[in-house]
């Protein structure tokens, strides 16, 4: 049975709803501006519903105009999806190895791996740039994919969840003749699936929004990702805010879709981490 709604909870719900509207208002304004003609963008008071709809023209100009977004969308989707798949796979395998596979100096090796997280990424940009130029990974998508495919944070995060699995599961599977790969794939991974999904969503968002690495390691215009495309588009169409807002809506749309689809897994992952502690 549902718990009756008390006055205190009702007031709290109303307050939180009002706060959420305040946080969402910039997004609503951006969405509204992307549908307007340029002369209505800065009207005051704000016309949340445009008087003159210009959505088709604005989005057509963004996607297929002088600076076509469809190309940069494809670049970002390719880099982000491949990076996410590799990063989740590598982090999950490494996390399982550090948490459930006993070998000499495993703790020291994990400490060394964890220590590398203390080094700011900006501190290694110059040697990384020189290395990439020398081995042919500069100005191509493979270089960006490799940069984001190995995450110390992902390994540490998933290791904590794997450590929460009782060793009796592992020992029982070993008695039945299962090797570590079978144990990982059939037993351990399904049990921490919410945590893996949470990291996958975070990795997708981080890679999609990555501006620094794309700026440093890409030079050819046709290889640009969405963050670089937004900067170039803003420079090109700086006086047309309706077009800039249409480009911004297009840029964040995949992130909203991914989060809406995966929000249940994110909540389960957070709850799983809280219960494990």
C-alpha atoms as a PDB file:
ATOM      1  CA  UNK A   1       0.000   0.000   0.000  1.00  0.00           C
ATOM      2  CA  UNK A   2       1.127   3.529  -0.749  1.00  0.00           C
ATOM      3  CA  UNK A   3       2.094   5.743   2.143  1.00  0.00           C
ATOM      4  CA  UNK A   4      -0.343   8.672   2.504  1.00  0.00           C
ATOM      5  CA  UNK A   5       0.974  11.989   1.204  1.00  0.00           C
ATOM      6  CA  UNK A   6       1.590  14.252   4.191  1.00  0.00           C
ATOM      7  CA  UNK A   7       1.583  18.050   4.073  1.00  0.00           C
ATOM      8  CA  UNK A   8       5.338  18.118   4.672  1.00  0.00           C
ATOM      9  CA  UNK A   9       6.014  15.848   1.692  1.00  0.00           C
ATOM     10  CA  UNK A  10       3.610  17.827  -0.478  1.00  0.00           C
ATOM     11  CA  UNK A  11       5.383  21.105   0.309  1.00  0.00           C
ATOM     12  CA  UNK A  12       8.781  19.500  -0.277  1.00  0.00           C
ATOM     13  CA  UNK A  13       7.616  18.101  -3.635  1.00  0.00           C
ATOM     14  CA  UNK A  14       6.307  21.509  -4.752  1.00  0.00           C
ATOM     15  CA  UNK A  15       9.571  23.202  -3.745  1.00  0.00           C
ATOM     16  CA  UNK A  16      11.698  20.640  -5.567  1.00  0.00           C
ATOM     17  CA  UNK A  17       9.487  20.962  -8.661  1.00  0.00           C
ATOM     18  CA  UNK A  18       9.953  24.756  -8.611  1.00  0.00           C
ATOM     19  CA  UNK A  19      13.723  24.367  -8.216  1.00  0.00           C
ATOM     20  CA  UNK A  20      13.848  21.902 -11.117  1.00  0.00           C
ATOM     21  CA  UNK A  21      11.997  24.404 -13.321  1.00  0.00           C
ATOM     22  CA  UNK A  22      14.600  27.054 -12.482  1.00  0.00           C
ATOM     23  CA  UNK A  23      17.401  24.697 -13.540  1.00  0.00           C
ATOM     24  CA  UNK A  24      15.547  23.673 -16.708  1.00  0.00           C
ATOM     25  CA  UNK A  25      14.616  27.197 -17.754  1.00  0.00           C
ATOM     26  CA  UNK A  26      17.851  27.835 -19.753  1.00  0.00           C
ATOM     27  CA  UNK A  27      17.230  24.623 -21.694  1.00  0.00           C
ATOM     28  CA  UNK A  28      13.611  25.616 -22.400  1.00  0.00           C
ATOM     29  CA  UNK A  29      14.776  29.042 -23.578  1.00  0.00           C
ATOM     30  CA  UNK A  30      17.414  27.452 -25.836  1.00  0.00           C
ATOM     31  CA  UNK A  31      14.834  25.083 -27.308  1.00  0.00           C
ATOM     32  CA  UNK A  32      12.349  27.909 -27.825  1.00  0.00           C
ATOM     33  CA  UNK A  33      14.968  30.176 -29.442  1.00  0.00           C
ATOM     34  CA  UNK A  34      15.949  27.437 -31.882  1.00  0.00           C
ATOM     35  CA  UNK A  35      12.386  27.516 -33.290  1.00  0.00           C
ATOM     36  CA  UNK A  36      12.180  31.301 -33.708  1.00  0.00           C
ATOM     37  CA  UNK A  37      13.116  33.821 -36.343  1.00  0.00           C
ATOM     38  CA  UNK A  38      16.116  35.895 -35.367  1.00  0.00           C
ATOM     39  CA  UNK A  39      14.164  39.064 -34.559  1.00  0.00           C
ATOM     40  CA  UNK A  40      12.142  37.270 -31.850  1.00  0.00           C
ATOM     41  CA  UNK A  41      14.985  35.619 -29.963  1.00  0.00           C
ATOM     42  CA  UNK A  42      15.584  38.455 -27.477  1.00  0.00           C
ATOM     43  CA  UNK A  43      12.031  39.748 -27.173  1.00  0.00           C
ATOM     44  CA  UNK A  44      11.049  40.787 -23.655  1.00  0.00           C
ATOM     45  CA  UNK A  45       8.987  39.447 -22.033  1.00  0.00           C
ATOM     46  CA  UNK A  46      10.063  36.096 -23.392  1.00  0.00           C
ATOM     47  CA  UNK A  47       7.753  34.414 -25.876  1.00  0.00           C
ATOM     48  CA  UNK A  48       8.188  30.794 -24.839  1.00  0.00           C
ATOM     49  CA  UNK A  49       5.967  29.725 -27.723  1.00  0.00           C
ATOM     50  CA  UNK A  50       7.251  31.385 -30.931  1.00  0.00           C
ATOM     51  CA  UNK A  51       4.857  33.640 -32.815  1.00  0.00           C
ATOM     52  CA  UNK A  52       6.588  32.852 -36.096  1.00  0.00           C
ATOM     53  CA  UNK A  53       7.945  29.313 -36.353  1.00  0.00           C
ATOM     54  CA  UNK A  54      11.241  28.964 -38.197  1.00  0.00           C
ATOM     55  CA  UNK A  55      12.376  25.568 -36.928  1.00  0.00           C
ATOM     56  CA  UNK A  56      12.689  23.843 -40.298  1.00  0.00           C
ATOM     57  CA  UNK A  57      14.818  26.623 -41.770  1.00  0.00           C
ATOM     58  CA  UNK A  58      17.060  26.896 -38.688  1.00  0.00           C
ATOM     59  CA  UNK A  59      17.752  23.170 -38.346  1.00  0.00           C
ATOM     60  CA  UNK A  60      18.156  22.740 -42.099  1.00  0.00           C
ATOM     61  CA  UNK A  61      20.815  25.462 -42.095  1.00  0.00           C
ATOM     62  CA  UNK A  62      22.597  23.834 -39.152  1.00  0.00           C
ATOM     63  CA  UNK A  63      22.572  20.298 -40.527  1.00  0.00           C
ATOM     64  CA  UNK A  64      23.016  20.895 -44.248  1.00  0.00           C
ATOM     65  CA  UNK A  65      24.239  24.475 -44.598  1.00  0.00           C
ATOM     66  CA  UNK A  66      27.702  25.970 -44.948  1.00  0.00           C
ATOM     67  CA  UNK A  67      28.909  24.090 -41.888  1.00  0.00           C
ATOM     68  CA  UNK A  68      27.092  20.703 -42.049  1.00  0.00           C
ATOM     69  CA  UNK A  69      26.480  19.075 -38.707  1.00  0.00           C
ATOM     70  CA  UNK A  70      25.669  15.648 -40.114  1.00  0.00           C
ATOM     71  CA  UNK A  71      29.367  15.047 -40.835  1.00  0.00           C
ATOM     72  CA  UNK A  72      30.481  16.082 -37.347  1.00  0.00           C
ATOM     73  CA  UNK A  73      27.655  14.076 -35.824  1.00  0.00           C
ATOM     74  CA  UNK A  74      28.903  10.974 -37.583  1.00  0.00           C
ATOM     75  CA  UNK A  75      32.464  11.670 -36.396  1.00  0.00           C
ATOM     76  CA  UNK A  76      31.350  12.093 -32.784  1.00  0.00           C
ATOM     77  CA  UNK A  77      29.066   9.055 -32.847  1.00  0.00           C
ATOM     78  CA  UNK A  78      31.808   6.855 -34.293  1.00  0.00           C
ATOM     79  CA  UNK A  79      34.459   7.997 -31.819  1.00  0.00           C
ATOM     80  CA  UNK A  80      32.126   7.967 -28.807  1.00  0.00           C
ATOM     81  CA  UNK A  81      30.551   4.557 -29.413  1.00  0.00           C
ATOM     82  CA  UNK A  82      33.842   2.785 -30.174  1.00  0.00           C
ATOM     83  CA  UNK A  83      35.597   4.471 -27.238  1.00  0.00           C
ATOM     84  CA  UNK A  84      32.777   3.562 -24.857  1.00  0.00           C
ATOM     85  CA  UNK A  85      32.746  -0.094 -25.918  1.00  0.00           C
ATOM     86  CA  UNK A  86      36.532  -0.482 -25.601  1.00  0.00           C
ATOM     87  CA  UNK A  87      36.757   1.477 -22.341  1.00  0.00           C
ATOM     88  CA  UNK A  88      33.947  -0.456 -20.646  1.00  0.00           C
ATOM     89  CA  UNK A  89      35.425  -3.787 -21.774  1.00  0.00           C
ATOM     90  CA  UNK A  90      38.973  -2.970 -20.658  1.00  0.00           C
ATOM     91  CA  UNK A  91      37.876  -1.402 -17.358  1.00  0.00           C
ATOM     92  CA  UNK A  92      35.569  -4.309 -16.494  1.00  0.00           C
ATOM     93  CA  UNK A  93      38.247  -6.923 -17.238  1.00  0.00           C
ATOM     94  CA  UNK A  94      40.901  -4.996 -15.307  1.00  0.00           C
ATOM     95  CA  UNK A  95      38.518  -4.427 -12.391  1.00  0.00           C
ATOM     96  CA  UNK A  96      37.679  -8.135 -12.215  1.00  0.00           C
ATOM     97  CA  UNK A  97      41.362  -9.045 -12.374  1.00  0.00           C
ATOM     98  CA  UNK A  98      42.344  -6.670  -9.576  1.00  0.00           C
ATOM     99  CA  UNK A  99      39.445  -7.729  -7.351  1.00  0.00           C
ATOM    100  CA  UNK A 100      38.999 -11.484  -7.901  1.00  0.00           C
ATOM    101  CA  UNK A 101      42.219 -12.851  -9.430  1.00  0.00           C
ATOM    102  CA  UNK A 102      44.893 -13.439  -6.813  1.00  0.00           C
ATOM    103  CA  UNK A 103      48.466 -12.978  -8.002  1.00  0.00           C
ATOM    104  CA  UNK A 104      51.724 -11.694  -6.576  1.00  0.00           C
ATOM    105  CA  UNK A 105      51.954  -7.946  -6.045  1.00  0.00           C
ATOM    106  CA  UNK A 106      48.382  -7.388  -7.286  1.00  0.00           C
ATOM    107  CA  UNK A 107      47.777  -4.700  -4.671  1.00  0.00           C
ATOM    108  CA  UNK A 108      50.998  -2.904  -5.546  1.00  0.00           C
ATOM    109  CA  UNK A 109      50.214  -3.049  -9.240  1.00  0.00           C
ATOM    110  CA  UNK A 110      46.750  -1.609  -8.632  1.00  0.00           C
ATOM    111  CA  UNK A 111      48.303   1.139  -6.493  1.00  0.00           C
ATOM    112  CA  UNK A 112      50.649   2.032  -9.366  1.00  0.00           C
ATOM    113  CA  UNK A 113      47.706   2.150 -11.780  1.00  0.00           C
ATOM    114  CA  UNK A 114      45.726   4.291  -9.334  1.00  0.00           C
ATOM    115  CA  UNK A 115      48.675   6.650  -8.879  1.00  0.00           C
ATOM    116  CA  UNK A 116      48.554   7.587 -12.570  1.00  0.00           C
ATOM    117  CA  UNK A 117      45.117   9.114 -11.944  1.00  0.00           C
ATOM    118  CA  UNK A 118      46.808  11.782  -9.816  1.00  0.00           C
ATOM    119  CA  UNK A 119      48.666  13.104 -12.866  1.00  0.00           C
ATOM    120  CA  UNK A 120      46.597  15.841 -14.599  1.00  0.00           C
ATOM    121  CA  UNK A 121      45.861  15.081 -18.232  1.00  0.00           C
ATOM    122  CA  UNK A 122      47.200  18.526 -19.188  1.00  0.00           C
ATOM    123  CA  UNK A 123      50.619  17.568 -17.787  1.00  0.00           C
ATOM    124  CA  UNK A 124      51.099  14.819 -20.390  1.00  0.00           C
ATOM    125  CA  UNK A 125      49.654  16.635 -23.397  1.00  0.00           C
ATOM    126  CA  UNK A 126      53.024  17.680 -24.838  1.00  0.00           C
ATOM    127  CA  UNK A 127      54.738  14.253 -24.673  1.00  0.00           C
ATOM    128  CA  UNK A 128      51.493  12.643 -25.854  1.00  0.00           C
ATOM    129  CA  UNK A 129      51.359  15.051 -28.784  1.00  0.00           C
ATOM    130  CA  UNK A 130      54.969  14.292 -29.738  1.00  0.00           C
ATOM    131  CA  UNK A 131      54.368  10.532 -29.419  1.00  0.00           C
ATOM    132  CA  UNK A 132      51.224  10.636 -31.556  1.00  0.00           C
ATOM    133  CA  UNK A 133      52.961  12.600 -34.299  1.00  0.00           C
ATOM    134  CA  UNK A 134      55.853  10.151 -34.373  1.00  0.00           C
ATOM    135  CA  UNK A 135      53.704   7.002 -34.616  1.00  0.00           C
ATOM    136  CA  UNK A 136      51.107   8.339 -37.059  1.00  0.00           C
ATOM    137  CA  UNK A 137      48.151   8.753 -34.708  1.00  0.00           C
ATOM    138  CA  UNK A 138      47.949  12.541 -35.033  1.00  0.00           C
ATOM    139  CA  UNK A 139      44.981  14.018 -36.917  1.00  0.00           C
ATOM    140  CA  UNK A 140      42.929  10.834 -37.104  1.00  0.00           C
ATOM    141  CA  UNK A 141      40.095   9.328 -35.135  1.00  0.00           C
ATOM    142  CA  UNK A 142      42.045   6.293 -33.957  1.00  0.00           C
ATOM    143  CA  UNK A 143      44.224   8.523 -31.803  1.00  0.00           C
ATOM    144  CA  UNK A 144      41.197  10.035 -30.037  1.00  0.00           C
ATOM    145  CA  UNK A 145      39.680   6.596 -29.541  1.00  0.00           C
ATOM    146  CA  UNK A 146      42.844   5.268 -27.892  1.00  0.00           C
ATOM    147  CA  UNK A 147      43.087   8.269 -25.558  1.00  0.00           C
ATOM    148  CA  UNK A 148      39.679   7.576 -24.040  1.00  0.00           C
ATOM    149  CA  UNK A 149      39.735   3.791 -24.176  1.00  0.00           C
ATOM    150  CA  UNK A 150      41.787   3.213 -21.011  1.00  0.00           C
ATOM    151  CA  UNK A 151      40.371   4.747 -17.848  1.00  0.00           C
ATOM    152  CA  UNK A 152      41.855   4.479 -14.375  1.00  0.00           C
ATOM    153  CA  UNK A 153      38.655   5.928 -12.925  1.00  0.00           C
ATOM    154  CA  UNK A 154      36.550   3.302 -14.707  1.00  0.00           C
ATOM    155  CA  UNK A 155      38.788   0.511 -13.437  1.00  0.00           C
ATOM    156  CA  UNK A 156      38.681   1.829  -9.877  1.00  0.00           C
ATOM    157  CA  UNK A 157      34.919   2.366  -9.964  1.00  0.00           C
ATOM    158  CA  UNK A 158      34.083  -1.100 -11.289  1.00  0.00           C
ATOM    159  CA  UNK A 159      36.646  -2.758  -9.013  1.00  0.00           C
ATOM    160  CA  UNK A 160      34.738  -1.493  -5.984  1.00  0.00           C
ATOM    161  CA  UNK A 161      31.584  -3.185  -7.236  1.00  0.00           C
ATOM    162  CA  UNK A 162      33.352  -6.428  -8.117  1.00  0.00           C
ATOM    163  CA  UNK A 163      34.831  -6.477  -4.618  1.00  0.00           C
ATOM    164  CA  UNK A 164      31.279  -6.397  -3.260  1.00  0.00           C
ATOM    165  CA  UNK A 165      30.578  -9.801  -4.828  1.00  0.00           C
ATOM    166  CA  UNK A 166      30.950 -12.619  -2.328  1.00  0.00           C
ATOM    167  CA  UNK A 167      33.857 -14.932  -3.061  1.00  0.00           C
ATOM    168  CA  UNK A 168      31.587 -17.936  -2.566  1.00  0.00           C
ATOM    169  CA  UNK A 169      30.181 -17.325  -6.047  1.00  0.00           C
ATOM    170  CA  UNK A 170      33.679 -17.491  -7.512  1.00  0.00           C
ATOM    171  CA  UNK A 171      34.729 -20.543  -5.529  1.00  0.00           C
ATOM    172  CA  UNK A 172      31.548 -22.453  -6.402  1.00  0.00           C
ATOM    173  CA  UNK A 173      32.100 -21.767 -10.098  1.00  0.00           C
ATOM    174  CA  UNK A 174      35.733 -22.926  -9.846  1.00  0.00           C
ATOM    175  CA  UNK A 175      34.631 -26.186  -8.208  1.00  0.00           C
ATOM    176  CA  UNK A 176      32.290 -26.740 -11.166  1.00  0.00           C
ATOM    177  CA  UNK A 177      35.251 -26.337 -13.512  1.00  0.00           C
ATOM    178  CA  UNK A 178      34.662 -22.778 -14.733  1.00  0.00           C
ATOM    179  CA  UNK A 179      37.663 -20.642 -15.652  1.00  0.00           C
ATOM    180  CA  UNK A 180      38.045 -16.961 -14.934  1.00  0.00           C
ATOM    181  CA  UNK A 181      36.651 -15.889 -18.314  1.00  0.00           C
ATOM    182  CA  UNK A 182      33.480 -17.942 -17.821  1.00  0.00           C
ATOM    183  CA  UNK A 183      33.127 -16.718 -14.255  1.00  0.00           C
ATOM    184  CA  UNK A 184      33.559 -13.117 -15.398  1.00  0.00           C
ATOM    185  CA  UNK A 185      31.117 -13.342 -18.295  1.00  0.00           C
ATOM    186  CA  UNK A 186      28.393 -15.564 -16.800  1.00  0.00           C
ATOM    187  CA  UNK A 187      28.489 -14.726 -13.092  1.00  0.00           C
ATOM    188  CA  UNK A 188      30.365 -11.572 -12.112  1.00  0.00           C
ATOM    189  CA  UNK A 189      29.398  -9.259 -14.981  1.00  0.00           C
ATOM    190  CA  UNK A 190      25.613  -9.826 -14.755  1.00  0.00           C
ATOM    191  CA  UNK A 191      25.708  -9.122 -11.025  1.00  0.00           C
ATOM    192  CA  UNK A 192      27.349  -5.702 -11.516  1.00  0.00           C
ATOM    193  CA  UNK A 193      25.463  -4.808 -14.701  1.00  0.00           C
ATOM    194  CA  UNK A 194      23.961  -1.582 -13.226  1.00  0.00           C
ATOM    195  CA  UNK A 195      27.457  -0.345 -12.343  1.00  0.00           C
ATOM    196  CA  UNK A 196      28.763  -1.199 -15.818  1.00  0.00           C
ATOM    197  CA  UNK A 197      25.813   0.587 -17.429  1.00  0.00           C
ATOM    198  CA  UNK A 198      26.417   3.623 -15.217  1.00  0.00           C
ATOM    199  CA  UNK A 199      30.068   3.814 -16.245  1.00  0.00           C
ATOM    200  CA  UNK A 200      29.142   3.293 -19.911  1.00  0.00           C
ATOM    201  CA  UNK A 201      26.781   6.276 -19.781  1.00  0.00           C
ATOM    202  CA  UNK A 202      29.389   8.430 -18.037  1.00  0.00           C
ATOM    203  CA  UNK A 203      32.050   7.385 -20.552  1.00  0.00           C
ATOM    204  CA  UNK A 204      29.704   8.228 -23.431  1.00  0.00           C
ATOM    205  CA  UNK A 205      29.016  11.703 -22.008  1.00  0.00           C
ATOM    206  CA  UNK A 206      32.684  12.424 -21.284  1.00  0.00           C
ATOM    207  CA  UNK A 207      33.793  11.360 -24.754  1.00  0.00           C
ATOM    208  CA  UNK A 208      30.990  13.192 -26.551  1.00  0.00           C
ATOM    209  CA  UNK A 209      31.839  16.422 -24.701  1.00  0.00           C
ATOM    210  CA  UNK A 210      35.623  16.052 -25.020  1.00  0.00           C
ATOM    211  CA  UNK A 211      36.893  19.363 -26.370  1.00  0.00           C
ATOM    212  CA  UNK A 212      40.501  19.404 -25.208  1.00  0.00           C
ATOM    213  CA  UNK A 213      41.768  16.265 -26.908  1.00  0.00           C
ATOM    214  CA  UNK A 214      39.849  16.938 -30.123  1.00  0.00           C
ATOM    215  CA  UNK A 215      41.301  20.451 -30.236  1.00  0.00           C
ATOM    216  CA  UNK A 216      44.875  19.224 -29.729  1.00  0.00           C
ATOM    217  CA  UNK A 217      44.906  16.086 -31.871  1.00  0.00           C
ATOM    218  CA  UNK A 218      42.652  16.991 -34.814  1.00  0.00           C
ATOM    219  CA  UNK A 219      43.516  19.453 -37.568  1.00  0.00           C
ATOM    220  CA  UNK A 220      41.491  18.437 -40.618  1.00  0.00           C
ATOM    221  CA  UNK A 221      38.072  20.083 -40.758  1.00  0.00           C
ATOM    222  CA  UNK A 222      36.224  16.983 -41.978  1.00  0.00           C
ATOM    223  CA  UNK A 223      37.475  15.026 -38.927  1.00  0.00           C
ATOM    224  CA  UNK A 224      36.083  17.505 -36.373  1.00  0.00           C
ATOM    225  CA  UNK A 225      33.761  16.358 -33.594  1.00  0.00           C
ATOM    226  CA  UNK A 226      30.699  18.150 -32.212  1.00  0.00           C
ATOM    227  CA  UNK A 227      32.562  20.314 -29.609  1.00  0.00           C
ATOM    228  CA  UNK A 228      34.911  21.661 -32.298  1.00  0.00           C
ATOM    229  CA  UNK A 229      32.004  22.066 -34.700  1.00  0.00           C
ATOM    230  CA  UNK A 230      30.123  24.133 -32.111  1.00  0.00           C
ATOM    231  CA  UNK A 231      33.082  26.450 -31.671  1.00  0.00           C
ATOM    232  CA  UNK A 232      33.516  26.899 -35.427  1.00  0.00           C
ATOM    233  CA  UNK A 233      29.800  27.326 -35.971  1.00  0.00           C
ATOM    234  CA  UNK A 234      29.622  29.982 -33.246  1.00  0.00           C
ATOM    235  CA  UNK A 235      32.467  31.888 -34.900  1.00  0.00           C
ATOM    236  CA  UNK A 236      30.783  31.597 -38.296  1.00  0.00           C
ATOM    237  CA  UNK A 237      27.224  32.442 -37.177  1.00  0.00           C
ATOM    238  CA  UNK A 238      27.910  34.532 -34.084  1.00  0.00           C
ATOM    239  CA  UNK A 239      25.229  37.108 -34.892  1.00  0.00           C
ATOM    240  CA  UNK A 240      22.490  34.535 -35.528  1.00  0.00           C
ATOM    241  CA  UNK A 241      21.491  33.254 -32.116  1.00  0.00           C
ATOM    242  CA  UNK A 242      18.567  31.206 -33.414  1.00  0.00           C
ATOM    243  CA  UNK A 243      21.030  29.125 -35.466  1.00  0.00           C
ATOM    244  CA  UNK A 244      23.434  28.818 -32.536  1.00  0.00           C
ATOM    245  CA  UNK A 245      20.603  27.580 -30.296  1.00  0.00           C
ATOM    246  CA  UNK A 246      19.531  25.068 -32.966  1.00  0.00           C
ATOM    247  CA  UNK A 247      23.117  23.803 -33.126  1.00  0.00           C
ATOM    248  CA  UNK A 248      23.267  23.572 -29.312  1.00  0.00           C
ATOM    249  CA  UNK A 249      20.017  21.583 -29.153  1.00  0.00           C
ATOM    250  CA  UNK A 250      21.340  19.236 -31.834  1.00  0.00           C
ATOM    251  CA  UNK A 251      24.603  18.796 -29.900  1.00  0.00           C
ATOM    252  CA  UNK A 252      22.989  17.780 -26.595  1.00  0.00           C
ATOM    253  CA  UNK A 253      20.160  15.672 -28.036  1.00  0.00           C
ATOM    254  CA  UNK A 254      22.132  12.358 -28.014  1.00  0.00           C
ATOM    255  CA  UNK A 255      23.111  12.923 -24.379  1.00  0.00           C
ATOM    256  CA  UNK A 256      19.485  13.405 -23.382  1.00  0.00           C
ATOM    257  CA  UNK A 257      18.444  10.273 -25.260  1.00  0.00           C
ATOM    258  CA  UNK A 258      21.224   8.192 -23.697  1.00  0.00           C
ATOM    259  CA  UNK A 259      20.390   9.381 -20.201  1.00  0.00           C
ATOM    260  CA  UNK A 260      16.637   8.847 -20.621  1.00  0.00           C
ATOM    261  CA  UNK A 261      17.249   5.317 -21.870  1.00  0.00           C
ATOM    262  CA  UNK A 262      19.813   4.489 -19.185  1.00  0.00           C
ATOM    263  CA  UNK A 263      18.499   6.427 -16.177  1.00  0.00           C
ATOM    264  CA  UNK A 264      17.088   3.267 -14.591  1.00  0.00           C
ATOM    265  CA  UNK A 265      20.520   1.624 -14.721  1.00  0.00           C
ATOM    266  CA  UNK A 266      22.147   4.757 -13.280  1.00  0.00           C
ATOM    267  CA  UNK A 267      19.730   4.768 -10.332  1.00  0.00           C
ATOM    268  CA  UNK A 268      20.293   1.035  -9.774  1.00  0.00           C
ATOM    269  CA  UNK A 269      24.053   1.556  -9.898  1.00  0.00           C
ATOM    270  CA  UNK A 270      23.918   4.349  -7.324  1.00  0.00           C
ATOM    271  CA  UNK A 271      21.634   2.309  -5.075  1.00  0.00           C
ATOM    272  CA  UNK A 272      23.878  -0.735  -5.490  1.00  0.00           C
ATOM    273  CA  UNK A 273      26.907   1.293  -4.398  1.00  0.00           C
ATOM    274  CA  UNK A 274      25.056   2.600  -1.355  1.00  0.00           C
ATOM    275  CA  UNK A 275      23.897  -0.852  -0.248  1.00  0.00           C
ATOM    276  CA  UNK A 276      27.355  -2.377  -0.822  1.00  0.00           C
ATOM    277  CA  UNK A 277      28.987   0.093   1.540  1.00  0.00           C
END
